[in-house]
Protein backbone atom coordinates (compact mmCIF):
# COMPACT_ATOMS: atom_id res chain seq x y z
CA MET A 1 6.29 21.40 19.07
CA VAL A 2 6.30 17.76 18.37
CA LYS A 3 9.91 17.83 17.10
CA LYS A 4 11.05 19.44 20.28
CA ILE A 5 9.56 16.97 22.37
CA LEU A 6 10.81 14.24 20.26
CA ARG A 7 14.24 15.73 20.60
CA ILE A 8 13.70 16.05 24.47
CA ILE A 9 12.73 12.19 24.48
CA VAL A 10 15.92 11.13 22.34
CA SER A 11 18.05 13.30 24.80
CA LEU A 12 16.51 11.51 27.82
CA VAL A 13 17.19 8.12 26.14
CA GLY A 14 20.81 9.34 25.81
CA VAL A 15 20.91 10.17 29.25
CA THR A 16 19.76 6.84 30.34
CA ILE A 17 22.24 5.06 27.94
CA GLY A 18 24.85 7.02 29.56
CA ALA A 19 23.80 5.88 32.92
CA ALA A 20 23.81 2.30 31.85
CA PHE A 21 27.04 2.60 30.14
CA TYR A 22 28.70 3.92 33.37
CA ILE A 23 27.16 0.91 35.46
CA TYR A 24 28.53 -1.47 32.82
CA LEU A 25 32.03 0.11 32.93
CA GLU A 26 31.92 0.02 36.81
CA ARG A 27 31.13 -3.90 36.64
CA ILE A 28 33.91 -4.73 34.16
CA VAL A 29 36.62 -2.65 35.59
CA PRO A 30 35.75 -2.10 39.32
CA GLN A 31 39.41 -1.59 40.27
CA TYR A 32 39.32 1.79 38.41
CA ALA A 33 35.81 2.98 39.96
CA PRO A 34 36.13 5.99 42.56
CA GLU A 35 35.55 5.07 45.91
CA SER A 36 33.93 8.06 47.10
CA LEU A 37 30.08 8.33 46.47
CA VAL A 38 30.28 11.98 45.43
CA LEU A 39 32.83 11.17 42.82
CA LYS A 40 30.76 8.03 41.55
CA ILE A 41 27.70 10.41 41.22
CA GLY A 42 29.60 13.14 39.73
CA LEU A 43 31.41 10.76 37.12
CA ALA A 44 27.94 9.11 36.31
CA SER A 45 26.38 12.36 35.80
CA ILE A 46 29.10 13.62 33.46
CA ILE A 47 28.90 10.49 31.32
CA SER A 48 24.84 10.58 31.22
CA LEU A 49 24.76 14.14 30.25
CA SER A 50 27.50 13.87 27.70
CA PHE A 51 25.32 10.98 26.27
CA GLY A 52 22.26 13.25 26.46
CA LEU A 53 24.01 16.11 24.65
CA ILE A 54 25.19 13.64 21.86
CA PHE A 55 21.94 12.22 21.30
CA TYR A 56 20.44 15.93 21.37
CA PHE A 57 22.73 17.15 18.61
CA PHE A 58 22.12 13.95 16.55
CA SER A 59 18.41 13.67 17.23
CA PRO A 60 17.30 15.16 13.83
CA TYR A 61 19.30 12.37 12.16
CA ILE A 62 18.19 10.03 14.46
CA MET A 63 14.56 10.94 13.87
CA ASN A 64 14.96 11.24 10.25
CA LEU A 65 16.45 7.31 9.97
CA GLY A 66 13.54 6.15 12.35
CA GLN A 67 10.93 7.86 10.05
CA LYS A 68 12.50 6.23 6.93
CA ALA A 69 12.50 2.94 8.67
CA ALA A 70 9.04 3.22 10.02
CA ASN A 71 7.80 4.06 6.38
CA LYS A 72 9.63 1.36 4.86
CA ILE A 73 8.17 -1.14 7.36
CA GLU A 74 4.77 0.24 6.84
CA ASN A 75 4.87 -0.19 3.22
CA GLU A 76 6.17 -3.64 3.46
CA VAL A 77 3.47 -4.71 5.99
CA SER A 78 0.83 -3.33 4.03
CA SER A 79 1.60 -5.26 0.80
CA MET A 80 1.57 -8.46 3.03
CA PRO A 81 -1.79 -10.43 3.38
CA THR A 82 -3.00 -10.72 6.74
CA GLY A 83 -2.50 -14.49 7.22
CA GLU A 84 1.20 -13.80 6.26
CA ILE A 85 1.62 -11.20 8.92
CA LEU A 86 -0.09 -13.54 11.56
CA THR A 87 2.25 -16.21 10.91
CA SER A 88 5.56 -14.32 10.52
CA SER A 89 4.75 -12.59 13.77
CA ILE A 90 4.33 -16.03 15.45
CA GLY A 91 7.35 -17.22 14.12
CA LEU A 92 9.23 -14.10 15.22
CA ILE A 93 7.83 -14.58 18.65
CA ILE A 94 8.87 -18.33 18.96
CA GLY A 95 12.52 -17.20 17.70
CA LEU A 96 12.89 -14.56 20.40
CA ILE A 97 11.62 -17.21 23.12
CA ILE A 98 14.26 -19.69 22.02
CA ALA A 99 16.75 -16.78 22.04
CA TYR A 100 15.78 -15.91 25.70
CA PHE A 101 16.79 -19.24 27.13
CA ILE A 102 19.92 -19.46 24.86
CA SER A 103 21.18 -16.02 25.73
CA GLY A 104 20.84 -16.80 29.53
CA LEU A 105 23.97 -19.03 29.02
CA VAL A 106 26.21 -16.35 27.82
CA ILE A 107 24.98 -12.90 29.26
CA ASN A 108 27.15 -13.29 32.13
CA ILE A 109 30.22 -13.43 30.31
CA PRO A 110 32.57 -10.62 30.75
CA LEU A 111 32.81 -7.79 27.81
CA VAL A 112 31.47 -10.07 25.28
CA GLY A 113 28.28 -11.50 26.86
CA THR A 114 25.90 -8.67 26.15
CA PRO A 115 26.97 -8.49 22.45
CA ILE A 116 26.70 -12.11 21.89
CA ALA A 117 23.27 -12.19 23.49
CA THR A 118 22.12 -9.40 21.12
CA LEU A 119 23.42 -11.28 18.10
CA ILE A 120 21.40 -14.44 19.47
CA TYR A 121 18.27 -12.46 19.50
CA ILE A 122 18.69 -11.19 16.16
CA PHE A 123 19.57 -14.27 14.66
CA PHE A 124 17.09 -16.61 16.29
CA GLY A 125 14.22 -13.69 15.49
CA TYR A 126 15.19 -13.58 11.91
CA ILE A 127 15.27 -17.57 11.54
CA GLY A 128 11.69 -17.67 13.28
CA TYR A 129 10.49 -15.05 11.12
CA ASN A 130 11.72 -16.46 7.77
CA ILE A 131 10.85 -19.92 8.47
CA ALA A 132 7.01 -18.91 9.57
CA SER A 133 6.76 -16.91 6.36
CA ARG A 134 7.89 -19.53 3.93
CA ARG A 135 5.88 -22.33 5.86
CA LYS A 136 2.65 -20.39 6.43
CA GLU A 137 0.55 -22.92 4.54
CA ASP A 138 1.82 -25.84 6.76
CA LEU A 139 1.21 -23.75 9.85
CA ALA A 140 -2.43 -23.13 8.58
CA ASN A 141 -3.14 -26.60 8.01
CA LEU A 142 -1.78 -27.44 11.34
CA ILE A 143 -4.04 -25.18 13.04
CA ASN A 144 -6.94 -26.61 11.06
CA ALA A 145 -5.92 -30.11 12.19
CA VAL A 146 -5.96 -29.26 15.79
CA LYS A 147 -9.29 -27.73 15.80
CA PRO A 148 -12.07 -29.47 17.52
CA ILE A 149 -14.49 -31.61 15.65
CA GLY A 150 -17.53 -29.78 16.72
CA GLY A 151 -16.20 -26.44 15.83
CA LYS A 152 -14.92 -27.82 12.26
CA GLU A 153 -18.68 -29.15 11.68
CA LYS A 154 -20.07 -25.71 12.63
CA GLY A 155 -17.81 -23.91 10.48
CA SER A 156 -18.40 -26.11 7.36
CA SER A 157 -22.17 -25.60 7.83
CA LYS A 158 -21.80 -22.03 7.25
CA LYS A 159 -19.19 -20.51 4.94
CA SER A 160 -17.05 -18.00 6.38
CA SER A 161 -17.11 -14.49 4.48
CA HIS A 162 -13.56 -14.34 5.04
CA ALA A 163 -12.88 -17.35 2.61
CA ILE A 164 -14.30 -15.26 -0.14
CA PRO A 165 -12.09 -12.75 -1.47
CA PRO A 166 -13.52 -9.33 -1.52
CA LYS A 167 -14.32 -7.59 -5.05
CA ILE A 168 -13.05 -4.14 -5.44
CA LEU A 169 -14.99 -2.08 -7.66
CA ASP A 170 -13.28 0.68 -9.95
CA THR A 171 -14.69 3.69 -11.34
CA SER A 172 -15.68 2.61 -14.73
CA VAL A 173 -17.60 -0.59 -13.45
CA VAL A 174 -19.58 1.76 -11.03
CA ILE A 175 -20.58 4.16 -13.81
CA ASP A 176 -21.47 1.20 -16.08
CA GLY A 177 -24.06 0.07 -13.59
CA ARG A 178 -24.17 -3.78 -14.81
CA ILE A 179 -22.42 -4.83 -11.55
CA ALA A 180 -25.41 -4.04 -9.51
CA ASP A 181 -27.63 -6.42 -11.79
CA ILE A 182 -25.03 -9.21 -11.57
CA ALA A 183 -24.54 -8.94 -7.79
CA GLN A 184 -28.19 -8.99 -7.25
CA THR A 185 -28.39 -12.15 -9.13
CA GLY A 186 -25.91 -13.90 -6.84
CA PHE A 187 -23.10 -14.60 -9.30
CA VAL A 188 -20.66 -12.17 -7.39
CA GLU A 189 -20.03 -13.61 -3.89
CA GLY A 190 -18.23 -11.84 -1.10
CA LYS A 191 -18.22 -8.23 0.02
CA LEU A 192 -18.07 -5.20 -2.48
CA VAL A 193 -15.46 -2.99 -1.50
CA VAL A 194 -15.52 0.77 -2.69
CA PRO A 195 -12.38 2.63 -1.98
CA THR A 196 -12.66 6.27 -0.86
CA PHE A 197 -10.31 7.54 -3.79
CA VAL A 198 -12.82 5.95 -6.26
CA LEU A 199 -15.64 7.84 -4.44
CA GLU A 200 -13.38 10.89 -4.71
CA GLU A 201 -13.04 10.49 -8.37
CA LEU A 202 -16.81 9.90 -8.91
CA ARG A 203 -17.38 13.25 -7.13
CA HIS A 204 -15.07 14.99 -9.34
CA ILE A 205 -16.73 13.47 -12.37
CA ALA A 206 -20.17 14.59 -11.05
CA ASP A 207 -18.96 18.00 -10.52
CA SER A 208 -17.37 18.43 -14.06
CA ALA A 209 -18.47 21.32 -16.40
CA ASP A 210 -19.01 18.73 -19.25
CA ASP A 211 -22.67 17.64 -19.23
CA LEU A 212 -21.77 13.98 -20.36
CA LYS A 213 -19.24 13.42 -17.48
CA ARG A 214 -21.55 15.08 -14.87
CA ALA A 215 -24.36 12.83 -15.85
CA ARG A 216 -21.97 9.71 -15.76
CA GLY A 217 -20.63 10.67 -12.24
CA ARG A 218 -24.08 11.19 -11.06
CA ARG A 219 -25.06 7.78 -12.60
CA GLY A 220 -22.33 6.15 -10.49
CA LEU A 221 -23.07 7.49 -7.32
CA ASP A 222 -26.67 6.68 -7.67
CA ILE A 223 -25.84 3.28 -8.48
CA LEU A 224 -23.88 2.91 -5.32
CA ASN A 225 -26.67 4.26 -3.16
CA MET A 226 -29.06 1.96 -4.72
CA MET A 227 -26.80 -0.97 -4.14
CA GLN A 228 -26.51 0.03 -0.44
CA THR A 229 -30.32 0.92 0.09
CA GLU A 230 -32.54 -0.67 -2.30
CA LEU A 231 -30.66 -3.89 -3.23
CA LYS A 232 -29.23 -4.58 0.30
CA LEU A 233 -25.98 -5.73 -1.04
CA ASP A 234 -22.80 -6.25 1.17
CA VAL A 235 -21.06 -3.08 0.13
CA GLU A 236 -18.13 -1.51 2.23
CA ILE A 237 -16.41 1.65 1.96
CA CYS A 238 -12.60 1.28 2.38
CA GLU A 239 -10.87 4.35 3.52
CA MET A 240 -7.30 2.95 2.75
CA ASP A 241 -5.43 5.02 0.70
CA PHE A 242 -1.99 5.29 -0.93
CA ASP A 243 -0.59 8.97 -0.76
CA ASP A 244 2.56 7.79 -2.67
CA ILE A 245 0.68 6.63 -5.62
CA ALA A 246 -1.14 9.22 -7.95
CA GLU A 247 -3.24 7.11 -10.36
CA VAL A 248 -6.48 5.49 -9.16
CA ASP A 249 -5.62 2.39 -11.36
CA MET A 250 -2.51 1.90 -9.41
CA LYS A 251 -3.99 2.42 -6.17
CA LEU A 252 -6.65 -0.06 -6.96
CA LEU A 253 -4.13 -2.74 -7.89
CA LYS A 254 -2.13 -1.92 -4.69
CA LEU A 255 -5.51 -2.43 -2.55
CA GLY A 256 -6.14 -5.56 -4.35
CA GLN A 257 -2.58 -6.84 -2.92
CA VAL A 258 -3.20 -5.56 0.44
CA LEU A 259 -6.57 -7.04 0.79
CA ASP A 260 -5.82 -10.00 -1.35
CA GLY A 261 -9.04 -9.48 -3.25
CA LYS A 262 -10.26 -9.14 -7.04
CA VAL A 263 -10.54 -5.66 -8.87
CA LEU A 264 -14.02 -5.48 -10.69
CA THR A 265 -13.60 -3.46 -13.80
CA ASN A 266 -14.31 -3.06 -17.40
CA ASP A 267 -11.27 -1.29 -18.33
CA TYR A 268 -9.16 -3.39 -20.90
CA ASN A 269 -5.84 -1.67 -20.06
CA LEU A 270 -6.29 -2.09 -16.38
CA ASN A 271 -6.56 -6.03 -17.19
CA LYS A 272 -3.16 -5.90 -18.77
CA VAL A 273 -1.39 -3.90 -16.12
CA ALA A 274 -2.84 -6.39 -13.41
CA GLN A 275 -1.42 -9.26 -15.10
CA PHE A 276 2.17 -8.07 -14.36
CA GLN A 277 1.41 -7.14 -10.88
CA GLY A 278 -0.29 -10.49 -10.04
CA VAL A 279 -3.69 -9.12 -9.18
CA LYS A 280 -6.79 -11.05 -10.15
CA VAL A 281 -9.09 -8.96 -12.16
CA LEU A 282 -12.85 -9.79 -13.12
CA ASN A 283 -13.82 -7.80 -16.36
CA ILE A 284 -17.49 -7.13 -16.88
CA ASN A 285 -16.93 -6.86 -20.41
CA GLU A 286 -15.39 -10.35 -20.75
CA LEU A 287 -18.29 -11.63 -18.72
CA ALA A 288 -20.79 -10.24 -21.28
CA ASN A 289 -18.78 -11.50 -24.20
CA SER A 290 -18.76 -14.98 -22.85
CA ILE A 291 -22.43 -15.19 -22.58
CA LYS A 292 -23.35 -13.78 -25.91
CA PRO A 293 -24.87 -16.17 -28.35
CA LEU A 294 -22.33 -18.18 -30.37
CA VAL A 295 -22.20 -17.25 -33.97
CA ILE A 296 -20.46 -19.49 -36.60
CA PRO A 297 -18.86 -18.91 -40.03
CA GLY A 298 -21.78 -19.85 -42.62
CA GLU A 299 -24.78 -18.80 -40.45
CA GLU A 300 -27.17 -16.27 -42.04
CA MET A 301 -28.23 -13.14 -40.15
CA LEU A 302 -30.53 -10.10 -41.08
CA VAL A 303 -28.70 -6.88 -40.40
CA THR A 304 -29.16 -3.21 -41.14
CA ILE A 305 -26.02 -1.16 -42.46
CA VAL A 306 -25.88 2.03 -40.46
CA LYS A 307 -22.60 3.63 -41.40
CA GLU A 308 -19.53 3.18 -43.75
CA GLY A 309 -16.40 1.11 -42.39
CA LYS A 310 -12.92 1.93 -42.12
CA GLU A 311 -11.78 0.02 -45.03
CA GLN A 312 -12.78 0.47 -48.44
CA ASN A 313 -16.12 -0.78 -49.65
CA GLN A 314 -17.18 -1.91 -45.88
CA GLY A 315 -20.54 -1.26 -44.18
CA ILE A 316 -21.10 -1.47 -40.51
CA ALA A 317 -24.15 -3.11 -38.76
CA TYR A 318 -24.82 -3.90 -35.20
CA LEU A 319 -26.74 -6.66 -33.21
CA ASP A 320 -28.95 -5.82 -30.46
CA ASP A 321 -26.28 -6.51 -27.90
CA GLY A 322 -23.99 -4.09 -29.52
CA THR A 323 -21.91 -6.60 -31.34
CA MET A 324 -20.33 -4.82 -34.50
CA ILE A 325 -20.74 -6.70 -37.81
CA VAL A 326 -18.43 -5.60 -40.61
CA VAL A 327 -20.12 -6.27 -44.03
CA GLU A 328 -18.00 -6.35 -47.09
CA GLY A 329 -19.27 -4.72 -50.22
CA ALA A 330 -21.98 -2.93 -48.34
CA ARG A 331 -20.60 0.62 -48.17
CA LYS A 332 -23.34 1.90 -50.62
CA LEU A 333 -26.10 0.05 -48.73
CA ILE A 334 -26.36 2.39 -45.67
CA GLY A 335 -30.02 2.23 -44.39
CA GLN A 336 -30.74 -0.96 -46.28
CA THR A 337 -31.78 -4.27 -44.37
CA PHE A 338 -30.80 -7.53 -45.89
CA GLN A 339 -29.38 -11.11 -45.17
CA VAL A 340 -25.79 -11.72 -44.76
CA LEU A 341 -23.44 -14.61 -44.53
CA VAL A 342 -21.12 -14.96 -41.63
CA THR A 343 -17.49 -15.35 -42.61
CA SER A 344 -15.45 -15.11 -39.64
CA VAL A 345 -15.74 -14.09 -35.91
CA LEU A 346 -12.97 -12.16 -34.07
CA GLN A 347 -13.14 -12.45 -30.31
CA THR A 348 -11.07 -10.10 -27.99
CA ALA A 349 -11.49 -8.63 -24.41
CA ALA A 350 -12.69 -5.56 -25.62
CA GLY A 351 -15.54 -7.13 -27.67
CA ARG A 352 -16.46 -9.49 -30.52
CA MET A 353 -16.55 -8.51 -34.03
CA ILE A 354 -18.25 -10.49 -36.57
CA PHE A 355 -17.42 -10.24 -40.38
CA ALA A 356 -19.91 -11.19 -42.89
CA LYS A 357 -20.80 -10.72 -46.63
CA PRO A 358 -24.10 -10.18 -48.38
CA LYS A 359 -25.79 -13.35 -49.01
């Protein structure tokens, strides 16, 4: 039904263009115009209906092109920050205003006036858009410079929430739960954004047949409810989705680009992918590793060997915070507690590993 209505609208547009085309012909070649009013109306009707039929037959192709163009424009605009869209729009409007005054000088030239005016609009619109998008920082500084002093002082006394990029939570960091404690301490500023596709993934995990997955999914949903109700944190549900992207991680990075925000995660692989796409990521594991007590080679520690290591004659122990200690020559000392001497420390984004030997 919608397609039929659109075809009728396209046909009416063709009829209108046909009528305008007849009027234009009558203006540029008046000597060939029929003198009889009936003939004029008949000729105008024939030309208009011809254009309408042509547009009707080509309407599926026209609508397909329009849909593709609209999708492309939507994808381009959705990936642009809000400030860039605003400045580019202002530049486009200024360019079209300039083109309006210039085109008035050439619009009345016979035959070529209208095409030249059209090119002028396209040229100055593009120039205005391009200059504004490249000089958006200068335009922002100019706007800030012309603000009243009173308004500036008022704005400086209270920090705007828009100046702080939003923090987008992924599924792993919600299930982990440490983000609630970190946000409650005030170390994470700004709005916490939970996309609907992350909620959907949590719901699927909570409905899983596997007991462990089901418990993890329900824990994530409980933590979100606690952050909103008990902790009174600024948590917002974002309904923006990207149907053309299948993976949740890729959707998170795309949303980070659109909102100009930072993705909160503890997924090491997501960190690597985000570096290529220019999206800022805050990794909870990196934060936890950075605040762990520093261990230096030569320091003594009291450890308990809990299992065998991967390499020959190695034993594995753990600190209270979960840091793994690889002890050389302790393969047969499982269950025993003794002093070890730290030989080296390996720090990675996935965690910290300590290498030691029995004292």
